[in-house]
C-alpha atoms as a PDB file:
ATOM      1  CA  UNK A   1       0.000   0.000   0.000  1.00  0.00           C
ATOM      2  CA  UNK A   2       2.876   2.370   0.746  1.00  0.00           C
ATOM      3  CA  UNK A   3       4.316   1.813  -2.737  1.00  0.00           C
ATOM      4  CA  UNK A   4       0.992   2.791  -4.288  1.00  0.00           C
ATOM      5  CA  UNK A   5       0.964   6.033  -2.288  1.00  0.00           C
ATOM      6  CA  UNK A   6       4.509   6.843  -3.424  1.00  0.00           C
ATOM      7  CA  UNK A   7       3.648   6.147  -7.068  1.00  0.00           C
ATOM      8  CA  UNK A   8       0.561   8.332  -6.776  1.00  0.00           C
ATOM      9  CA  UNK A   9       2.547  11.197  -5.236  1.00  0.00           C
ATOM     10  CA  UNK A  10       5.159  10.996  -8.004  1.00  0.00           C
ATOM     11  CA  UNK A  11       2.503  10.916 -10.732  1.00  0.00           C
ATOM     12  CA  UNK A  12       0.719  13.944  -9.321  1.00  0.00           C
ATOM     13  CA  UNK A  13       3.913  15.942  -8.863  1.00  0.00           C
ATOM     14  CA  UNK A  14       5.287  15.132 -12.322  1.00  0.00           C
ATOM     15  CA  UNK A  15       2.236  16.114 -14.254  1.00  0.00           C
ATOM     16  CA  UNK A  16      -1.058  17.095 -12.819  1.00  0.00           C
ATOM     17  CA  UNK A  17      -2.509  17.420 -16.311  1.00  0.00           C
ATOM     18  CA  UNK A  18      -2.189  16.177 -19.873  1.00  0.00           C
ATOM     19  CA  UNK A  19      -3.390  17.548 -23.184  1.00  0.00           C
ATOM     20  CA  UNK A  20      -6.124  15.326 -24.618  1.00  0.00           C
ATOM     21  CA  UNK A  21      -6.668  17.362 -27.775  1.00  0.00           C
ATOM     22  CA  UNK A  22      -5.416  20.702 -29.056  1.00  0.00           C
ATOM     23  CA  UNK A  23      -6.912  21.932 -32.304  1.00  0.00           C
ATOM     24  CA  UNK A  24      -6.799  25.519 -33.481  1.00  0.00           C
ATOM     25  CA  UNK A  25      -8.397  27.698 -30.854  1.00  0.00           C
ATOM     26  CA  UNK A  26      -9.494  24.939 -28.433  1.00  0.00           C
ATOM     27  CA  UNK A  27      -7.632  22.718 -26.026  1.00  0.00           C
ATOM     28  CA  UNK A  28      -8.971  19.845 -23.912  1.00  0.00           C
ATOM     29  CA  UNK A  29      -6.946  19.015 -20.821  1.00  0.00           C
ATOM     30  CA  UNK A  30      -7.286  16.041 -18.480  1.00  0.00           C
ATOM     31  CA  UNK A  31      -6.295  16.947 -14.938  1.00  0.00           C
ATOM     32  CA  UNK A  32      -6.605  15.772 -11.373  1.00  0.00           C
ATOM     33  CA  UNK A  33     -10.078  16.829 -10.292  1.00  0.00           C
ATOM     34  CA  UNK A  34      -8.674  19.097  -7.583  1.00  0.00           C
ATOM     35  CA  UNK A  35      -6.013  20.622  -9.867  1.00  0.00           C
ATOM     36  CA  UNK A  36      -8.042  22.944 -12.114  1.00  0.00           C
ATOM     37  CA  UNK A  37      -5.373  25.648 -11.762  1.00  0.00           C
ATOM     38  CA  UNK A  38      -2.782  23.371 -13.413  1.00  0.00           C
ATOM     39  CA  UNK A  39      -5.144  22.900 -16.384  1.00  0.00           C
ATOM     40  CA  UNK A  40      -5.743  26.665 -16.574  1.00  0.00           C
ATOM     41  CA  UNK A  41      -1.991  27.322 -16.639  1.00  0.00           C
ATOM     42  CA  UNK A  42      -1.455  24.748 -19.394  1.00  0.00           C
ATOM     43  CA  UNK A  43      -4.284  26.290 -21.430  1.00  0.00           C
ATOM     44  CA  UNK A  44      -2.853  29.781 -20.860  1.00  0.00           C
ATOM     45  CA  UNK A  45       0.506  28.577 -22.189  1.00  0.00           C
ATOM     46  CA  UNK A  46      -1.087  27.010 -25.284  1.00  0.00           C
ATOM     47  CA  UNK A  47      -3.201  30.078 -26.056  1.00  0.00           C
ATOM     48  CA  UNK A  48      -0.330  32.424 -25.293  1.00  0.00           C
ATOM     49  CA  UNK A  49       1.596  30.881 -28.195  1.00  0.00           C
ATOM     50  CA  UNK A  50      -1.199  32.212 -30.428  1.00  0.00           C
ATOM     51  CA  UNK A  51      -1.220  35.655 -28.814  1.00  0.00           C
ATOM     52  CA  UNK A  52      -4.527  34.927 -27.086  1.00  0.00           C
ATOM     53  CA  UNK A  53      -5.775  34.032 -23.617  1.00  0.00           C
ATOM     54  CA  UNK A  54      -7.539  30.899 -22.411  1.00  0.00           C
ATOM     55  CA  UNK A  55     -11.224  31.115 -21.569  1.00  0.00           C
ATOM     56  CA  UNK A  56     -12.760  28.210 -19.647  1.00  0.00           C
ATOM     57  CA  UNK A  57     -15.678  26.656 -21.531  1.00  0.00           C
ATOM     58  CA  UNK A  58     -16.587  23.657 -19.377  1.00  0.00           C
ATOM     59  CA  UNK A  59     -15.319  20.916 -17.101  1.00  0.00           C
ATOM     60  CA  UNK A  60     -16.665  17.399 -17.377  1.00  0.00           C
ATOM     61  CA  UNK A  61     -17.683  15.212 -14.442  1.00  0.00           C
ATOM     62  CA  UNK A  62     -15.113  13.550 -12.213  1.00  0.00           C
ATOM     63  CA  UNK A  63     -14.007  10.070 -13.166  1.00  0.00           C
ATOM     64  CA  UNK A  64     -11.711   7.551 -11.504  1.00  0.00           C
ATOM     65  CA  UNK A  65      -8.491   6.474 -13.143  1.00  0.00           C
ATOM     66  CA  UNK A  66      -5.317   4.596 -12.202  1.00  0.00           C
ATOM     67  CA  UNK A  67      -4.992   4.142  -8.440  1.00  0.00           C
ATOM     68  CA  UNK A  68      -8.436   5.696  -7.902  1.00  0.00           C
ATOM     69  CA  UNK A  69      -7.182   9.197  -8.723  1.00  0.00           C
ATOM     70  CA  UNK A  70     -10.164  11.384  -9.595  1.00  0.00           C
ATOM     71  CA  UNK A  71      -9.718  13.208 -12.914  1.00  0.00           C
ATOM     72  CA  UNK A  72     -11.734  15.633 -15.012  1.00  0.00           C
ATOM     73  CA  UNK A  73     -11.437  17.018 -18.520  1.00  0.00           C
ATOM     74  CA  UNK A  74     -11.661  20.767 -19.010  1.00  0.00           C
ATOM     75  CA  UNK A  75     -12.202  22.563 -22.312  1.00  0.00           C
ATOM     76  CA  UNK A  76     -10.679  25.971 -22.973  1.00  0.00           C
ATOM     77  CA  UNK A  77     -11.081  28.284 -25.964  1.00  0.00           C
ATOM     78  CA  UNK A  78      -8.352  30.704 -27.054  1.00  0.00           C
ATOM     79  CA  UNK A  79      -9.848  34.158 -27.408  1.00  0.00           C
ATOM     80  CA  UNK A  80      -8.493  37.684 -27.913  1.00  0.00           C
ATOM     81  CA  UNK A  81      -7.710  39.314 -24.576  1.00  0.00           C
ATOM     82  CA  UNK A  82     -10.548  41.860 -24.912  1.00  0.00           C
ATOM     83  CA  UNK A  83     -13.141  39.084 -25.392  1.00  0.00           C
ATOM     84  CA  UNK A  84     -11.958  37.313 -22.228  1.00  0.00           C
ATOM     85  CA  UNK A  85     -12.581  40.435 -20.153  1.00  0.00           C
ATOM     86  CA  UNK A  86     -16.343  40.327 -20.853  1.00  0.00           C
END
């Protein structure tokens, strides 16, 4: 059981999120359910490469994955900075 906890801690610290799909002005990111900020930062980085900012569209329901870690998928849209302010 201790080994599982160590593996889980390493997995969370190495990458709390992963890009599921990135096409044009949208990015879908899978992240630990309690790590929305990590997904937001990854989306900001992706959109920043296009000279835009990330705007949260939606987050799907929590689901269990390896070692019972709860994950969610969040969708972000890259928009001009002025549109994000609205």
